[in-house]
Protein backbone atom coordinates (compact mmCIF):
# COMPACT_ATOMS: atom_id res chain seq x y z
CA UNK A 1 0.00 0.00 0.00
CA UNK A 2 2.84 2.37 0.77
CA UNK A 3 4.44 1.66 -2.59
CA UNK A 4 1.11 2.13 -4.34
CA UNK A 5 0.52 5.50 -2.68
CA UNK A 6 4.06 6.56 -3.57
CA UNK A 7 3.53 5.63 -7.23
CA UNK A 8 0.37 7.70 -7.28
CA UNK A 9 2.28 10.69 -5.96
CA UNK A 10 4.91 10.26 -8.66
CA UNK A 11 2.18 10.45 -11.32
CA UNK A 12 0.91 13.82 -10.12
CA UNK A 13 2.42 16.63 -12.24
CA UNK A 14 2.23 19.28 -9.53
CA UNK A 15 3.96 17.32 -6.82
CA UNK A 16 7.62 17.83 -7.73
CA UNK A 17 8.67 19.16 -4.32
CA UNK A 18 7.09 16.25 -2.48
CA UNK A 19 8.76 13.78 -4.82
CA UNK A 20 12.16 15.28 -4.05
CA UNK A 21 11.55 14.96 -0.33
CA UNK A 22 10.51 11.34 -0.63
CA UNK A 23 13.68 10.49 -2.51
CA UNK A 24 15.82 11.70 0.39
CA UNK A 25 13.98 9.46 2.87
CA UNK A 26 14.74 5.76 3.47
CA UNK A 27 12.85 3.42 1.19
CA UNK A 28 10.26 1.68 3.35
CA UNK A 29 9.62 -0.95 0.71
CA UNK A 30 13.25 -2.11 0.59
CA UNK A 31 14.25 -3.66 3.92
CA UNK A 32 17.45 -5.32 2.64
CA UNK A 33 20.81 -4.02 3.78
CA UNK A 34 24.03 -3.97 1.81
CA UNK A 35 26.43 -6.87 2.17
CA UNK A 36 29.04 -4.92 4.12
CA UNK A 37 26.36 -3.53 6.44
CA UNK A 38 25.10 -7.06 7.11
CA UNK A 39 28.65 -8.15 7.92
CA UNK A 40 29.09 -5.19 10.26
CA UNK A 41 25.87 -5.86 12.17
CA UNK A 42 26.73 -9.56 12.45
CA UNK A 43 30.19 -8.76 13.80
CA UNK A 44 28.81 -6.39 16.45
CA UNK A 45 26.10 -8.88 17.43
CA UNK A 46 28.49 -11.81 17.73
CA UNK A 47 30.97 -9.77 19.74
CA UNK A 48 28.33 -8.79 22.29
CA UNK A 49 26.93 -12.34 22.33
CA UNK A 50 30.30 -13.86 23.21
CA UNK A 51 30.98 -11.39 26.02
CA UNK A 52 28.37 -12.99 28.29
CA UNK A 53 27.72 -16.66 29.05
CA UNK A 54 24.57 -16.23 31.08
CA UNK A 55 21.53 -16.05 28.79
CA UNK A 56 19.75 -13.44 30.90
CA UNK A 57 22.77 -11.12 31.02
CA UNK A 58 23.38 -11.78 27.36
CA UNK A 59 19.89 -10.62 26.38
CA UNK A 60 20.16 -7.55 28.58
CA UNK A 61 23.50 -6.62 27.04
CA UNK A 62 22.21 -7.11 23.51
CA UNK A 63 19.14 -5.01 24.26
CA UNK A 64 21.27 -2.18 25.67
CA UNK A 65 24.27 -2.27 23.32
CA UNK A 66 22.82 -3.60 20.07
CA UNK A 67 19.05 -3.31 19.67
CA UNK A 68 18.88 0.14 21.24
CA UNK A 69 21.46 1.43 18.71
CA UNK A 70 20.35 -0.81 15.84
CA UNK A 71 18.95 1.99 13.68
CA UNK A 72 22.07 4.09 14.29
CA UNK A 73 24.19 1.24 12.92
CA UNK A 74 21.87 0.80 9.95
CA UNK A 75 22.09 4.51 9.08
CA UNK A 76 25.89 4.56 9.05
CA UNK A 77 27.56 5.57 5.80
CA UNK A 78 31.17 5.22 4.65
CA UNK A 79 33.13 8.42 5.15
CA UNK A 80 36.57 7.33 3.99
CA UNK A 81 38.46 4.20 2.96
CA UNK A 82 42.11 3.25 2.57
CA UNK A 83 44.09 0.13 1.69
CA UNK A 84 46.05 -1.47 4.50
CA UNK A 85 47.43 -4.17 2.20
CA UNK A 86 46.28 -6.20 -0.78
CA UNK A 87 43.53 -7.89 1.22
CA UNK A 88 42.33 -5.44 3.89
CA UNK A 89 40.55 -2.10 3.90
CA UNK A 90 40.40 0.42 6.72
CA UNK A 91 36.90 1.94 6.61
CA UNK A 92 35.59 4.87 8.61
CA UNK A 93 31.82 4.90 9.17
CA UNK A 94 29.76 7.83 10.38
CA UNK A 95 26.38 9.50 10.23
CA UNK A 96 24.98 11.28 7.20
CA UNK A 97 25.12 14.61 9.05
CA UNK A 98 28.81 14.11 9.77
CA UNK A 99 29.52 13.20 6.17
CA UNK A 100 28.21 16.52 4.84
CA UNK A 101 29.42 18.65 7.74
CA UNK A 102 32.48 20.87 7.38
CA UNK A 103 33.70 19.80 10.79
CA UNK A 104 33.17 16.07 11.23
CA UNK A 105 35.12 15.98 14.52
CA UNK A 106 31.95 16.72 16.47
CA UNK A 107 30.20 13.62 15.10
CA UNK A 108 30.86 10.06 16.32
CA UNK A 109 32.90 7.89 13.97
CA UNK A 110 33.51 4.15 13.79
CA UNK A 111 36.50 2.40 12.23
CA UNK A 112 36.42 -1.13 10.83
CA UNK A 113 38.97 -3.43 9.19
CA UNK A 114 37.40 -5.32 6.28
CA UNK A 115 38.84 -8.38 4.53
CA UNK A 116 37.99 -8.19 0.83
CA UNK A 117 38.78 -11.86 0.17
CA UNK A 118 36.60 -13.37 2.88
CA UNK A 119 34.13 -10.41 2.94
CA UNK A 120 34.37 -10.37 6.73
CA UNK A 121 34.78 -7.61 9.29
CA UNK A 122 38.04 -8.34 11.11
CA UNK A 123 37.75 -5.68 13.83
CA UNK A 124 35.50 -2.80 14.76
CA UNK A 125 36.37 0.22 16.93
CA UNK A 126 33.81 2.63 18.32
CA UNK A 127 34.21 6.22 19.49
CA UNK A 128 38.01 6.52 19.21
CA UNK A 129 39.13 3.71 21.55
CA UNK A 130 42.50 3.60 23.24
CA UNK A 131 43.18 0.18 21.71
CA UNK A 132 43.19 1.59 18.18
CA UNK A 133 45.36 4.52 19.25
CA UNK A 134 47.99 2.17 20.72
CA UNK A 135 48.12 0.31 17.40
CA UNK A 136 48.41 3.64 15.60
CA UNK A 137 51.25 4.77 17.88
CA UNK A 138 53.26 1.55 17.68
CA UNK A 139 52.60 0.58 14.06
CA UNK A 140 52.00 3.88 12.30
CA UNK A 141 53.90 2.77 9.18
CA UNK A 142 51.38 -0.01 8.58
CA UNK A 143 48.65 2.59 8.11
CA UNK A 144 50.54 4.04 5.13
CA UNK A 145 50.08 1.75 2.15
CA UNK A 146 53.28 2.95 0.45
CA UNK A 147 55.91 0.93 -1.34
CA UNK A 148 59.12 0.40 0.62
CA UNK A 149 60.96 -0.97 -2.40
CA UNK A 150 62.32 2.46 -3.31
CA UNK A 151 65.22 3.61 -1.19
CA UNK A 152 63.97 7.19 -0.83
CA UNK A 153 60.71 5.97 0.78
CA UNK A 154 62.72 5.03 3.89
CA UNK A 155 63.17 8.71 4.79
CA UNK A 156 59.52 9.05 5.88
CA UNK A 157 59.58 9.60 9.64
CA UNK A 158 56.83 8.47 11.98
CA UNK A 159 56.49 7.94 15.70
CA UNK A 160 56.84 4.19 15.17
CA UNK A 161 60.23 4.34 13.41
CA UNK A 162 61.80 7.56 14.70
CA UNK A 163 62.63 8.32 18.33
CA UNK A 164 62.46 12.09 17.80
CA UNK A 165 58.95 11.87 16.32
CA UNK A 166 57.87 9.60 19.19
CA UNK A 167 59.20 12.04 21.80
CA UNK A 168 57.36 14.88 20.06
CA UNK A 169 54.12 12.89 20.06
CA UNK A 170 54.42 12.02 23.75
CA UNK A 171 55.15 15.65 24.57
CA UNK A 172 51.94 16.70 22.85
CA UNK A 173 50.08 13.92 24.67
CA UNK A 174 51.38 15.05 28.07
CA UNK A 175 50.32 18.64 27.39
CA UNK A 176 46.81 17.66 26.30
CA UNK A 177 44.07 18.65 28.72
CA UNK A 178 42.02 15.53 28.02
CA UNK A 179 43.32 12.10 27.05
CA UNK A 180 40.07 11.21 25.28
CA UNK A 181 40.16 14.37 23.16
CA UNK A 182 43.82 13.74 22.28
CA UNK A 183 43.05 10.20 21.12
CA UNK A 184 40.08 11.42 19.10
CA UNK A 185 42.19 14.13 17.46
CA UNK A 186 44.98 11.73 16.55
CA UNK A 187 42.61 9.15 15.06
CA UNK A 188 40.70 11.81 13.11
CA UNK A 189 43.32 11.58 10.34
CA UNK A 190 42.50 7.91 9.72
CA UNK A 191 42.14 6.56 7.09
CA UNK A 192 45.10 8.27 5.45
CA UNK A 193 44.84 9.72 1.96
CA UNK A 194 47.01 8.34 -0.81
CA UNK A 195 50.35 10.09 -1.27
CA UNK A 196 49.74 12.17 1.84
CA UNK A 197 53.39 12.23 2.94
CA UNK A 198 56.50 13.51 1.22
CA UNK A 199 59.46 11.07 1.11
CA UNK A 200 62.02 13.91 0.92
CA UNK A 201 65.05 13.34 3.19
CA UNK A 202 64.70 16.94 4.41
CA UNK A 203 61.72 15.76 6.47
CA UNK A 204 63.70 12.92 8.05
CA UNK A 205 63.62 13.87 11.72
CA UNK A 206 66.81 11.90 12.35
CA UNK A 207 68.63 14.41 10.13
CA UNK A 208 66.89 17.75 10.67
CA UNK A 209 64.85 19.53 13.30
CA UNK A 210 62.13 21.99 12.22
CA UNK A 211 58.87 23.50 13.41
CA UNK A 212 56.19 20.99 12.40
CA UNK A 213 53.50 23.62 12.94
CA UNK A 214 54.85 25.49 9.92
CA UNK A 215 56.05 22.62 7.73
CA UNK A 216 56.00 18.82 7.76
CA UNK A 217 55.98 15.79 5.49
CA UNK A 218 52.19 15.66 5.60
CA UNK A 219 50.63 17.22 2.52
CA UNK A 220 48.25 19.87 3.84
CA UNK A 221 48.03 23.64 4.26
CA UNK A 222 49.93 25.19 7.13
CA UNK A 223 49.89 28.52 8.90
CA UNK A 224 52.36 30.88 7.25
CA UNK A 225 54.50 33.59 8.82
CA UNK A 226 56.85 36.26 7.51
CA UNK A 227 59.80 34.54 9.19
CA UNK A 228 61.78 31.85 7.33
CA UNK A 229 61.44 28.21 8.35
CA UNK A 230 64.72 26.89 9.76
CA UNK A 231 66.14 23.39 9.29
CA UNK A 232 68.69 22.59 12.01
CA UNK A 233 71.02 19.58 12.09
CA UNK A 234 70.25 16.86 14.61
CA UNK A 235 73.93 16.01 14.97
CA UNK A 236 76.97 18.02 15.93
CA UNK A 237 77.49 20.95 15.45
CA UNK A 238 73.63 21.33 15.60
CA UNK A 239 73.87 24.31 13.28
CA UNK A 240 71.42 25.93 10.91
CA UNK A 241 71.66 24.06 7.62
CA UNK A 242 69.23 26.03 5.44
CA UNK A 243 66.05 28.13 5.52
CA UNK A 244 62.85 28.28 3.47
CA UNK A 245 60.79 31.45 3.26
CA UNK A 246 57.39 31.24 1.59
CA UNK A 247 55.74 34.37 0.20
CA UNK A 248 57.33 37.60 -1.04
CA UNK A 249 61.02 38.08 -0.31
CA UNK A 250 60.39 41.47 1.30
CA UNK A 251 57.52 40.15 3.40
CA UNK A 252 53.80 40.83 3.26
CA UNK A 253 52.58 44.39 3.09
CA UNK A 254 49.59 43.61 5.32
CA UNK A 255 50.78 41.82 8.43
CA UNK A 256 47.22 41.30 9.68
CA UNK A 257 46.13 39.19 6.69
CA UNK A 258 45.85 35.49 7.43
CA UNK A 259 48.19 33.47 5.25
CA UNK A 260 48.51 29.75 4.60
CA UNK A 261 51.26 27.89 2.79
CA UNK A 262 51.68 24.52 1.14
CA UNK A 263 54.93 22.85 0.07
CA UNK A 264 55.91 20.36 -2.61
CA UNK A 265 59.31 18.71 -2.19
CA UNK A 266 61.12 16.63 -4.80
CA UNK A 267 61.57 13.04 -3.54
CA UNK A 268 65.38 12.99 -3.99
CA UNK A 269 66.62 16.31 -5.41
CA UNK A 270 67.23 19.45 -3.28
CA UNK A 271 64.25 21.22 -4.84
CA UNK A 272 60.97 22.45 -3.38
CA UNK A 273 58.01 24.64 -4.28
CA UNK A 274 56.11 26.82 -1.82
CA UNK A 275 52.70 28.34 -2.46
CA UNK A 276 51.47 31.07 -0.11
CA UNK A 277 47.81 32.08 -0.22
CA UNK A 278 45.90 34.84 1.52
CA UNK A 279 42.23 35.56 1.98
CA UNK A 280 40.09 37.96 -0.04
CA UNK A 281 41.12 36.34 -3.38
CA UNK A 282 44.57 37.91 -3.48
CA UNK A 283 47.03 36.31 -5.94
CA UNK A 284 49.11 33.42 -4.67
CA UNK A 285 52.89 33.68 -4.34
CA UNK A 286 54.84 30.70 -5.73
CA UNK A 287 58.54 30.36 -4.85
CA UNK A 288 61.12 27.86 -6.06
CA UNK A 289 63.66 26.78 -3.44
CA UNK A 290 66.84 24.86 -4.29
CA UNK A 291 70.27 24.24 -2.78
CA UNK A 292 73.39 24.89 -4.85
């Protein structure tokens, strides 16, 4: 009857607005879920089922943890996906509102590991758990599906292969006001985008020390200042090796304008590009940096 009434509405010529609204609503006539959603619900159900041996406690736990949130699980959509290896995907699920929001950090997110060969959910993490963060801290390189066959790819520093990066991460963790917020912020970058890190040896934290708030191997916009970015040797004599200054050589005329910069480093050659942008549609400043 619902499908019949809906077909009648589609036949009315003056009902275009109502038709558009009905298309954005869930289809009541189609109760089937996608294959990956079925696998996800089964994994959550089985995990809660195996946590209790007593049937009474088991039913209470399922009612509280599964059936109460059943529709929330059904309404989840895929926000982002990345390859972990040839067989596994790291999938981030979230609500529809979070998927279209400019700031998705305020919306709950769920991370799952999916095996493409067996079509099974291997693990599922809810609300930024500490367990996933510990894996991220200890095995960060495994979250980057990059080829290690090339020699220059070994210069990518992370807190799982570089003591200086690990000390920096722990310093930020100690200064954080809330451990839960710190974990949520760190896991917000997962899954990683392809080619999100530069393999340039100038970003190897075993060789150079620099301000990661202004520049880093991660490919994203950074806050820009009129002062040059310094690269200092990690070893003796701990001297200034070189500097990079984005923007005009003489500095910006308007010091109050907010500026952002992005950098593109050559993988092996001493060559880099910097692009500085300002608000109010002012022209960008592109500089070429190289060492003689």
